[in-house]
Amino acid sequence: MPASFERPVITQQSLAALLRGLAGNPAAPPEVLARLATANIDRIELARRRDLPAQASAVLAGDEDANVRSELAANPNLPTEVQLRLAQDADARVRGRLAEGAEYFTTVGVHGRHFPGPLSHEVFALLARDPEPKVRRALAWNRHLPDDIRTRMLDDEDPRTAAIAAAEWNSAPTARIEELLSRATGGFGRQMLLLRFDGPLPAAAARAMLTDIDSSEDIANSDGLLRQIAETADLDAELTDRFLADPRLRAAVAANPTLTPEHVAALAHDPDNQVRAAIVARRGLNPALRESISVEYDDRSSGNIVDWLLTEDLSEPDQLAFARSRHQVLRKTLTMRTDLSDEAVEILAADESFAVRLFVCERQPNAPGWLLAQIAADWKSYSRWDMLAHKNFPADAATALARSDDPHDRVVAAAHPGLPAETIEGLLADDADYVRRRAATNPSIPADRLITLLEANESAVVSGAAANPTLPVATMHHMLGQAGL
């Protein structure tokens, strides 16, 4: 019988480890996941799987463990009937996780942030009537909340729910801005609303808020709101003069899209570095003026992204111009785009800024292998795992990491498919159990060797082998049969 169809000898002692590993196997087909949903194991990781089939999610929605149901509720790929069931769960934590539509991250060789799609309208409506204010507050944060439901939530009996619903309105109609701002409670609520407001804040509304701030005794906590007003108000001469007279607000007003060209030109040479940086980041700024401005940037900061550059329609010459810009913030933002030409990526990969080179490795599917190896050798953050999974990561660099004295290097490299057989075997005997488990998931392990790992006496190796993506489906079903599933 070929090795790939051999049936491992499974003991009761190793069965739980096998099932746990199988629940995390990326190659497990829907019918295997559905059978695992009834297994007597920790089902939380199973509930988190983005490829969870409808049959399995229906089973987990009735799990007696509220923690499993809560993780399931945060899964962005649930059928409507499962969403409806979770929206009526007895545990408010479960309903809240479903309501918030929280962002999540995925690792596919290129690190990326994702947001779940909208719930069905029926589910949104049900959650908006939830008896628990904390569930309705979570729903008010949901970026997909339909306008008709958000409008009703502005009148929620819970003031905080109403404030969040107003502040999170992504494209609030200009005609309702004064009403929405009046409903928002405190400086934070108003500031959040201005962050989401689409278009310049009417000058009258800006003056009304400034009057409130001027008459408030809580001046210390108004700075954030003042900056938002200065950045979003439809500026006239009076408002411009007031904001520019305050050193705390000059950078905010420099970013305001309604600022006059004369003021833009003057602020381009402001002595404050933050003010000049705000001018550089303005959309539609004359390229010659932008390149004439000197700005210092924090090379280790992941912030300071120029949002409009992510969505701007750029020709290849435009891409190359931004890739060669003197401004690190523009080059760094450019690396986050998914449409860059090979030439633009090549320029950015050789950038003098560590942050730019790091972003190339984290975001670009055609990042060069030499750069991935260079960054991964010293970079210790979470995205290092993504780099090892990148299709261009060199096998020799992975082998060097796998032979490192540092177990944190070895565990990151242990599953790389380009490792030599002797290196994999060394990792399978590593002192650290987490290294041994990850090594057992290496897709380069021969089929007959994988069977022997499934029969090992150590749970870390057994669960790793069960999670190996090359495990034959017939073997998966044999394991489930042994478990009585």
Protein backbone atom coordinates (compact mmCIF):
# COMPACT_ATOMS: atom_id res chain seq x y z
CA MET A 1 0.00 0.00 0.00
CA PRO A 2 1.47 3.41 -0.93
CA ALA A 3 2.71 5.45 2.02
CA SER A 4 0.20 8.23 1.34
CA PHE A 5 -2.65 5.80 2.02
CA GLU A 6 -1.18 4.13 5.08
CA ARG A 7 -3.34 4.26 8.16
CA PRO A 8 -1.50 5.47 11.23
CA VAL A 9 -1.80 3.54 14.48
CA ILE A 10 -3.84 5.89 16.66
CA THR A 11 -3.95 5.54 20.43
CA GLN A 12 -6.54 7.11 22.71
CA GLN A 13 -3.73 9.11 24.28
CA SER A 14 -2.82 10.78 20.99
CA LEU A 15 -6.36 11.11 19.62
CA ALA A 16 -7.11 14.51 21.18
CA ALA A 17 -3.82 15.95 19.87
CA LEU A 18 -4.59 14.59 16.40
CA LEU A 19 -8.03 16.18 16.34
CA ARG A 20 -6.71 19.54 17.59
CA GLY A 21 -4.11 19.56 14.84
CA LEU A 22 -6.63 18.52 12.22
CA ALA A 23 -8.92 21.40 13.23
CA GLY A 24 -6.13 23.77 12.23
CA ASN A 25 -5.14 21.98 9.03
CA PRO A 26 -5.51 24.52 6.17
CA ALA A 27 -6.19 21.70 3.69
CA ALA A 28 -9.01 20.08 5.67
CA PRO A 29 -12.07 19.88 3.34
CA PRO A 30 -15.56 21.04 4.41
CA GLU A 31 -16.80 17.55 5.26
CA VAL A 32 -13.86 17.05 7.66
CA LEU A 33 -14.49 20.41 9.36
CA ALA A 34 -18.18 19.58 9.73
CA ARG A 35 -17.33 16.30 11.50
CA LEU A 36 -14.80 18.08 13.74
CA ALA A 37 -17.48 20.52 14.92
CA THR A 38 -18.88 17.76 17.14
CA ALA A 39 -15.47 16.60 18.46
CA ASN A 40 -14.67 16.70 22.16
CA ILE A 41 -11.80 19.18 21.73
CA ASP A 42 -11.21 22.88 22.15
CA ARG A 43 -13.34 24.14 19.26
CA ILE A 44 -12.38 27.81 19.51
CA GLU A 45 -9.74 27.62 16.77
CA LEU A 46 -12.22 25.79 14.57
CA ALA A 47 -14.78 28.56 15.11
CA ARG A 48 -12.22 31.14 13.94
CA ARG A 49 -11.57 29.46 10.58
CA ARG A 50 -12.54 31.70 7.66
CA ASP A 51 -13.31 28.64 5.53
CA LEU A 52 -15.72 27.17 8.05
CA PRO A 53 -18.55 25.44 6.12
CA ALA A 54 -22.18 26.33 6.85
CA GLN A 55 -22.87 22.91 8.35
CA ALA A 56 -20.03 23.29 10.86
CA SER A 57 -20.98 26.85 11.79
CA ALA A 58 -24.57 25.72 12.45
CA VAL A 59 -23.28 23.06 14.86
CA LEU A 60 -20.95 25.50 16.65
CA ALA A 61 -23.73 28.08 17.00
CA GLY A 62 -25.34 25.66 19.46
CA ASP A 63 -22.12 24.87 21.34
CA GLU A 64 -22.59 24.83 25.11
CA ASP A 65 -19.38 26.87 25.56
CA ALA A 66 -20.14 30.58 25.23
CA ASN A 67 -16.48 31.25 24.38
CA VAL A 68 -16.82 29.09 21.27
CA ARG A 69 -20.03 30.86 20.25
CA SER A 70 -18.38 34.24 20.87
CA GLU A 71 -15.45 33.41 18.58
CA LEU A 72 -17.88 32.11 16.00
CA ALA A 73 -19.83 35.38 16.16
CA ALA A 74 -16.65 37.27 15.20
CA ASN A 75 -16.18 35.06 12.13
CA PRO A 76 -16.86 37.20 9.02
CA ASN A 77 -18.05 34.30 6.86
CA LEU A 78 -21.27 33.07 8.46
CA PRO A 79 -24.53 32.28 6.65
CA THR A 80 -27.54 34.45 7.51
CA GLU A 81 -29.33 31.69 9.40
CA VAL A 82 -26.35 31.30 11.73
CA GLN A 83 -26.11 35.07 12.20
CA LEU A 84 -29.79 35.15 13.17
CA ARG A 85 -29.26 32.41 15.71
CA LEU A 86 -26.28 34.18 17.27
CA ALA A 87 -28.18 37.49 17.31
CA GLN A 88 -30.62 35.82 19.72
CA ASP A 89 -27.97 34.06 21.83
CA ALA A 90 -28.58 34.02 25.58
CA ASP A 91 -25.13 35.50 26.22
CA ALA A 92 -24.77 39.24 25.56
CA ARG A 93 -21.05 38.77 24.80
CA VAL A 94 -21.95 36.62 21.82
CA ARG A 95 -24.49 39.11 20.51
CA GLY A 96 -21.99 41.95 21.00
CA ARG A 97 -19.22 40.19 19.05
CA LEU A 98 -21.64 39.65 16.18
CA ALA A 99 -22.83 43.26 16.31
CA GLU A 100 -19.49 45.04 16.20
CA GLY A 101 -18.20 43.65 12.89
CA ALA A 102 -14.62 44.00 14.13
CA GLU A 103 -11.70 44.15 11.74
CA TYR A 104 -9.39 41.17 11.52
CA PHE A 105 -6.03 40.28 10.07
CA THR A 106 -5.02 37.59 7.66
CA THR A 107 -1.66 36.04 6.86
CA VAL A 108 -1.23 35.07 3.23
CA GLY A 109 2.38 36.04 2.67
CA VAL A 110 1.32 39.67 2.51
CA HIS A 111 -0.01 41.14 5.73
CA GLY A 112 -3.35 42.84 5.37
CA ARG A 113 -6.22 44.28 7.35
CA HIS A 114 -9.71 43.17 6.43
CA PHE A 115 -13.21 44.11 7.47
CA PRO A 116 -16.12 41.69 7.50
CA GLY A 117 -18.97 42.28 5.11
CA PRO A 118 -22.35 43.55 6.27
CA LEU A 119 -24.75 41.42 8.25
CA SER A 120 -28.18 40.87 6.74
CA HIS A 121 -30.65 43.72 7.25
CA GLU A 122 -32.80 41.43 9.38
CA VAL A 123 -29.88 40.75 11.72
CA PHE A 124 -28.98 44.45 11.95
CA ALA A 125 -32.59 45.27 12.85
CA LEU A 126 -32.73 42.54 15.49
CA LEU A 127 -29.52 43.70 17.16
CA ALA A 128 -30.67 47.34 17.13
CA ARG A 129 -33.55 46.24 19.40
CA ASP A 130 -31.32 44.26 21.76
CA PRO A 131 -32.22 44.79 25.44
CA GLU A 132 -28.56 45.20 26.45
CA PRO A 133 -27.10 48.70 25.84
CA LYS A 134 -23.60 47.25 25.42
CA VAL A 135 -24.81 45.20 22.45
CA ARG A 136 -26.41 48.24 20.83
CA ARG A 137 -23.24 50.24 21.46
CA ALA A 138 -21.22 47.55 19.69
CA LEU A 139 -23.66 47.69 16.78
CA ALA A 140 -23.34 51.47 16.57
CA TRP A 141 -19.61 51.02 15.84
CA ASN A 142 -20.33 48.70 12.90
CA ARG A 143 -19.20 50.47 9.72
CA HIS A 144 -21.81 48.63 7.62
CA LEU A 145 -24.82 49.70 9.68
CA PRO A 146 -27.59 50.75 7.21
CA ASP A 147 -28.56 54.42 7.30
CA ASP A 148 -32.19 53.70 8.19
CA ILE A 149 -31.18 51.71 11.27
CA ARG A 150 -28.48 54.21 12.24
CA THR A 151 -31.05 57.00 12.01
CA ARG A 152 -33.30 55.15 14.48
CA MET A 153 -30.34 54.57 16.80
CA LEU A 154 -29.77 58.31 17.06
CA ASP A 155 -32.85 58.29 19.29
CA ASP A 156 -31.69 55.33 21.41
CA GLU A 157 -32.60 55.64 25.10
CA ASP A 158 -28.95 54.98 25.94
CA PRO A 159 -27.05 58.30 25.39
CA ARG A 160 -23.77 56.60 24.60
CA THR A 161 -25.36 54.40 21.92
CA ALA A 162 -26.88 57.50 20.29
CA ALA A 163 -23.54 59.33 20.44
CA ILE A 164 -21.62 56.46 18.84
CA ALA A 165 -24.28 56.07 16.16
CA ALA A 166 -23.86 59.75 15.27
CA ALA A 167 -20.07 59.78 15.50
CA GLU A 168 -19.67 56.68 13.31
CA TRP A 169 -21.87 57.92 10.47
CA ASN A 170 -19.44 57.50 7.59
CA SER A 171 -21.11 59.95 5.23
CA ALA A 172 -23.43 62.08 7.33
CA PRO A 173 -25.60 64.38 5.17
CA THR A 174 -24.40 67.97 5.37
CA ALA A 175 -27.91 69.18 6.14
CA ARG A 176 -27.91 67.14 9.37
CA ILE A 177 -24.47 68.07 10.67
CA GLU A 178 -25.68 70.52 13.32
CA GLU A 179 -28.29 68.05 14.58
CA LEU A 180 -25.79 65.20 14.72
CA LEU A 181 -23.21 67.30 16.51
CA SER A 182 -25.79 68.46 19.04
CA ARG A 183 -26.69 64.83 19.80
CA ALA A 184 -23.06 63.83 20.29
CA THR A 185 -22.10 64.18 23.94
CA GLY A 186 -18.81 65.77 24.96
CA GLY A 187 -15.70 66.59 23.00
CA PHE A 188 -14.86 62.96 22.17
CA GLY A 189 -18.22 62.26 20.50
CA ARG A 190 -18.00 65.40 18.41
CA GLN A 191 -14.41 64.68 17.46
CA MET A 192 -15.35 61.20 16.29
CA LEU A 193 -18.15 62.62 14.17
CA LEU A 194 -15.80 65.09 12.52
CA LEU A 195 -13.40 62.24 11.73
CA ARG A 196 -16.19 60.54 9.79
CA PHE A 197 -17.86 63.60 8.30
CA ASP A 198 -17.79 63.70 4.50
CA GLY A 199 -17.01 67.19 3.27
CA PRO A 200 -16.09 70.50 4.93
CA LEU A 201 -17.77 71.40 8.21
CA PRO A 202 -20.09 74.40 7.60
CA ALA A 203 -18.57 77.58 9.02
CA ALA A 204 -21.70 78.24 11.12
CA ALA A 205 -21.46 74.82 12.75
CA ALA A 206 -17.74 75.38 13.39
CA ARG A 207 -18.44 78.72 15.08
CA ALA A 208 -21.19 77.19 17.23
CA MET A 209 -18.79 74.53 18.52
CA LEU A 210 -16.06 77.10 19.10
CA THR A 211 -18.49 79.15 21.17
CA ASP A 212 -19.28 76.07 23.27
CA ILE A 213 -15.57 75.40 23.76
CA ASP A 214 -14.83 79.03 24.67
CA SER A 215 -17.55 78.96 27.34
CA SER A 216 -16.59 75.55 28.73
CA GLU A 217 -14.64 75.13 31.93
CA ASP A 218 -13.09 71.91 30.59
CA ILE A 219 -10.56 73.62 28.33
CA ALA A 220 -7.85 71.01 28.96
CA ASN A 221 -9.79 68.27 27.17
CA SER A 222 -10.77 70.34 24.12
CA ASP A 223 -7.49 70.20 22.18
CA GLY A 224 -8.45 67.18 20.08
CA LEU A 225 -11.80 68.66 19.12
CA LEU A 226 -10.21 72.01 18.27
CA ARG A 227 -7.75 70.28 15.93
CA GLN A 228 -10.58 68.45 14.19
CA ILE A 229 -12.53 71.68 13.71
CA ALA A 230 -9.44 73.42 12.33
CA GLU A 231 -8.84 70.56 9.90
CA THR A 232 -12.41 70.15 8.62
CA ALA A 233 -14.09 73.58 8.81
CA ASP A 234 -15.03 75.47 5.65
CA LEU A 235 -12.49 78.20 6.31
CA ASP A 236 -13.15 81.89 5.91
CA ALA A 237 -10.73 84.71 6.78
CA GLU A 238 -11.93 84.98 10.40
CA LEU A 239 -11.63 81.25 11.14
CA THR A 240 -8.28 81.02 9.34
CA ASP A 241 -6.81 83.86 11.40
CA ARG A 242 -8.10 82.40 14.66
CA PHE A 243 -6.67 78.92 13.99
CA LEU A 244 -3.30 80.16 12.70
CA ALA A 245 -2.88 82.31 15.79
CA ASP A 246 -2.87 79.18 17.96
CA PRO A 247 0.42 77.18 17.69
CA ARG A 248 -1.46 73.98 18.64
CA LEU A 249 -3.71 74.28 15.57
CA ARG A 250 -1.35 75.41 12.81
CA ALA A 251 -0.63 71.86 11.58
CA ALA A 252 -4.34 71.03 11.56
CA VAL A 253 -5.28 74.10 9.53
CA ALA A 254 -2.35 73.36 7.17
CA ALA A 255 -4.10 70.07 6.35
CA ASN A 256 -7.49 71.71 5.76
CA PRO A 257 -8.49 71.26 2.07
CA THR A 258 -10.29 74.65 2.02
CA LEU A 259 -7.18 76.63 2.99
CA THR A 260 -6.37 79.35 0.44
CA PRO A 261 -3.39 78.86 -1.93
CA GLU A 262 -1.72 81.94 -0.44
CA HIS A 263 -1.75 80.44 3.04
CA VAL A 264 -0.60 77.07 1.70
CA ALA A 265 2.43 78.70 0.08
CA ALA A 266 3.26 80.59 3.26
CA LEU A 267 2.95 77.55 5.55
CA ALA A 268 5.18 75.48 3.27
CA HIS A 269 8.10 77.33 4.89
CA ASP A 270 6.75 77.40 8.45
CA PRO A 271 9.41 76.84 11.13
CA ASP A 272 7.32 74.02 12.66
CA ASN A 273 8.17 70.60 11.17
CA GLN A 274 4.60 69.30 11.75
CA VAL A 275 3.12 72.21 9.84
CA ARG A 276 5.41 71.61 6.87
CA ALA A 277 4.60 67.88 7.00
CA ALA A 278 0.88 68.68 6.84
CA ILE A 279 1.43 70.83 3.75
CA VAL A 280 3.41 68.05 2.06
CA ALA A 281 0.53 65.61 2.65
CA ARG A 282 -2.08 67.85 1.02
CA ARG A 283 -3.93 66.36 -1.94
CA GLY A 284 -3.39 68.22 -5.23
CA LEU A 285 -0.34 70.15 -4.02
CA ASN A 286 1.92 71.41 -6.77
CA PRO A 287 4.63 68.70 -7.15
CA ALA A 288 7.44 71.24 -7.42
CA LEU A 289 6.33 72.99 -4.23
CA ARG A 290 5.98 69.63 -2.43
CA GLU A 291 9.51 68.57 -3.34
CA SER A 292 10.93 71.92 -2.26
CA ILE A 293 9.72 71.47 1.34
CA SER A 294 12.07 69.97 3.92
CA VAL A 295 10.50 67.64 6.51
CA GLU A 296 12.06 65.28 9.07
CA TYR A 297 10.29 61.93 9.64
CA ASP A 298 10.47 59.27 12.34
CA ASP A 299 11.81 56.26 10.44
CA ARG A 300 10.52 53.75 13.03
CA SER A 301 6.96 55.09 13.08
CA SER A 302 4.30 53.07 11.27
CA GLY A 303 1.86 55.99 11.40
CA ASN A 304 1.66 59.17 9.32
CA ILE A 305 -0.01 57.60 6.30
CA VAL A 306 -1.35 59.86 3.53
CA ASP A 307 -4.80 58.34 3.05
CA TRP A 308 -5.66 59.89 -0.32
CA LEU A 309 -2.54 58.39 -1.91
CA LEU A 310 -3.93 54.90 -1.29
CA THR A 311 -6.93 55.54 -3.57
CA GLU A 312 -5.63 58.11 -6.05
CA ASP A 313 -5.68 57.04 -9.71
CA LEU A 314 -1.95 56.96 -10.44
CA SER A 315 -0.32 56.39 -13.81
CA GLU A 316 2.98 54.51 -13.85
CA PRO A 317 4.95 57.80 -14.20
CA ASP A 318 3.03 59.11 -11.16
CA GLN A 319 3.94 55.98 -9.21
CA LEU A 320 7.60 56.39 -10.07
CA ALA A 321 7.53 60.07 -9.13
CA PHE A 322 6.13 59.28 -5.67
CA ALA A 323 8.57 56.36 -5.30
CA ARG A 324 11.43 58.84 -5.83
CA SER A 325 9.93 61.60 -3.67
CA ARG A 326 12.14 63.13 -1.01
CA HIS A 327 9.29 62.59 1.48
CA GLN A 328 9.36 59.31 3.38
CA VAL A 329 5.66 59.53 4.26
CA LEU A 330 4.70 59.47 0.56
CA ARG A 331 7.06 56.62 -0.28
CA LYS A 332 5.87 54.63 2.74
CA THR A 333 2.22 55.14 1.85
CA LEU A 334 2.90 54.15 -1.76
CA THR A 335 4.18 50.72 -0.61
CA MET A 336 0.68 49.93 0.68
CA ARG A 337 -0.88 50.06 -2.79
CA THR A 338 -1.65 46.78 -4.55
CA ASP A 339 -1.14 48.05 -8.12
CA LEU A 340 2.53 49.03 -8.11
CA SER A 341 4.69 48.30 -11.12
CA ASP A 342 7.78 46.13 -10.75
CA GLU A 343 9.94 49.19 -11.32
CA ALA A 344 8.24 51.10 -8.50
CA VAL A 345 8.68 48.16 -6.13
CA GLU A 346 12.33 47.88 -7.12
CA ILE A 347 12.90 51.55 -6.31
CA LEU A 348 11.12 51.30 -2.95
CA ALA A 349 12.95 48.07 -2.05
CA ALA A 350 16.24 49.99 -2.18
CA ASP A 351 14.87 52.95 -0.18
CA GLU A 352 17.06 54.55 2.47
CA SER A 353 14.19 54.35 4.99
CA PHE A 354 13.83 51.18 7.05
CA ALA A 355 10.07 51.81 7.36
CA VAL A 356 9.67 51.92 3.57
CA ARG A 357 11.65 48.71 3.07
CA LEU A 358 9.68 47.01 5.86
CA PHE A 359 6.36 48.01 4.27
CA VAL A 360 7.52 46.59 0.93
CA CYS A 361 8.10 43.25 2.65
CA GLU A 362 4.79 43.36 4.50
CA ARG A 363 2.57 44.56 1.66
CA GLN A 364 3.98 43.73 -1.74
CA PRO A 365 3.37 40.31 -3.40
CA ASN A 366 6.41 40.91 -5.66
CA ALA A 367 8.78 41.99 -2.85
CA PRO A 368 12.31 40.80 -3.79
CA GLY A 369 13.64 37.78 -1.95
CA TRP A 370 16.92 39.43 -0.96
CA LEU A 371 15.01 42.18 0.86
CA LEU A 372 12.68 39.74 2.61
CA ALA A 373 15.71 37.82 3.88
CA GLN A 374 17.45 41.02 4.97
CA ILE A 375 14.50 42.36 6.96
CA ALA A 376 13.48 39.01 8.47
CA ALA A 377 17.00 38.46 9.80
CA ASP A 378 16.60 41.31 12.31
CA TRP A 379 12.89 42.18 12.44
CA LYS A 380 11.20 40.52 15.44
CA SER A 381 7.60 41.70 15.09
CA TYR A 382 4.54 39.64 14.02
CA SER A 383 4.94 40.37 10.31
CA ARG A 384 8.14 38.35 10.27
CA TRP A 385 5.93 35.24 10.02
CA ASP A 386 4.33 36.70 6.89
CA MET A 387 7.73 37.23 5.31
CA LEU A 388 8.70 33.57 5.75
CA ALA A 389 5.41 32.60 4.10
CA HIS A 390 6.03 34.97 1.19
CA LYS A 391 6.41 33.19 -2.14
CA ASN A 392 9.71 34.98 -2.80
CA PHE A 393 11.42 34.22 0.51
CA PRO A 394 14.72 32.43 -0.30
CA ALA A 395 15.15 28.86 0.89
CA ASP A 396 18.78 29.41 1.94
CA ALA A 397 17.75 32.33 4.18
CA ALA A 398 15.07 30.16 5.77
CA THR A 399 17.65 27.41 6.35
CA ALA A 400 19.98 29.89 8.06
CA LEU A 401 17.20 30.98 10.41
CA ALA A 402 16.24 27.36 11.09
CA ARG A 403 19.81 26.70 12.31
CA SER A 404 19.91 29.80 14.52
CA ASP A 405 20.74 29.57 18.23
CA ASP A 406 17.55 31.53 18.94
CA PRO A 407 14.41 29.34 19.15
CA HIS A 408 12.33 32.34 18.03
CA ASP A 409 14.21 32.24 14.73
CA ARG A 410 13.86 28.48 14.44
CA VAL A 411 10.09 28.40 15.02
CA VAL A 412 9.47 31.08 12.39
CA ALA A 413 11.50 29.16 9.80
CA ALA A 414 10.41 25.63 10.74
CA ALA A 415 7.52 25.34 8.25
CA HIS A 416 9.31 26.82 5.24
CA PRO A 417 8.96 24.33 2.34
CA GLY A 418 12.50 24.94 1.11
CA LEU A 419 14.28 23.52 4.18
CA PRO A 420 16.60 20.54 3.57
CA ALA A 421 15.43 17.20 4.98
CA GLU A 422 18.22 17.08 7.58
CA THR A 423 17.30 20.56 8.84
CA ILE A 424 13.65 19.54 9.25
CA GLU A 425 14.70 16.42 11.16
CA GLY A 426 16.83 18.55 13.45
CA LEU A 427 13.87 20.81 14.16
CA LEU A 428 11.65 17.79 14.90
CA ALA A 429 14.10 16.97 17.71
CA ASP A 430 14.39 20.58 18.93
CA ASP A 431 14.45 21.35 22.66
CA ALA A 432 11.39 23.61 22.32
CA ASP A 433 8.05 21.85 21.87
CA TYR A 434 6.62 24.77 19.86
CA VAL A 435 9.49 24.41 17.38
CA ARG A 436 8.87 20.66 17.09
CA ARG A 437 5.15 21.21 16.50
CA ARG A 438 5.71 23.76 13.75
CA ALA A 439 8.37 21.61 12.11
CA ALA A 440 5.84 18.78 11.90
CA THR A 441 3.64 21.04 9.74
CA ASN A 442 6.38 21.45 7.11
CA PRO A 443 4.88 20.50 3.71
CA SER A 444 8.20 19.04 2.52
CA ILE A 445 8.02 16.11 4.94
CA PRO A 446 7.66 12.87 2.90
CA ALA A 447 4.31 11.08 3.19
CA ASP A 448 5.73 7.98 4.87
CA ARG A 449 7.62 10.10 7.41
CA LEU A 450 4.46 12.07 8.14
CA ILE A 451 2.65 8.83 9.06
CA THR A 452 5.35 8.01 11.64
CA LEU A 453 4.95 11.50 13.14
CA LEU A 454 1.21 10.88 13.55
CA GLU A 455 2.15 7.81 15.61
CA ALA A 456 4.64 9.66 17.85
CA ASN A 457 4.35 9.61 21.62
CA GLU A 458 4.53 13.40 21.90
CA SER A 459 1.42 15.55 21.55
CA ALA A 460 3.27 18.57 20.06
CA VAL A 461 4.61 16.52 17.15
CA VAL A 462 1.34 14.62 16.69
CA SER A 463 -0.80 17.76 16.53
CA GLY A 464 1.69 19.41 14.17
CA ALA A 465 1.65 16.42 11.83
CA ALA A 466 -2.17 16.41 11.85
CA ALA A 467 -2.07 20.09 10.83
CA ASN A 468 0.29 19.39 7.93
CA PRO A 469 -1.36 20.55 4.68
CA THR A 470 -0.06 17.52 2.76
CA LEU A 471 -1.93 15.07 4.98
CA PRO A 472 -4.12 12.89 2.71
CA VAL A 473 -7.86 13.39 3.09
CA ALA A 474 -8.28 9.62 3.44
CA THR A 475 -6.03 9.74 6.51
CA MET A 476 -8.09 12.63 7.92
CA HIS A 477 -11.28 10.57 7.63
CA HIS A 478 -9.54 7.57 9.19
CA MET A 479 -8.62 9.73 12.20
CA LEU A 480 -12.21 10.97 12.52
CA GLY A 481 -13.49 7.40 12.28
CA GLN A 482 -11.14 6.32 15.06
CA ALA A 483 -12.62 9.14 17.17
CA GLY A 484 -16.14 7.95 16.48
CA LEU A 485 -17.10 11.12 14.60
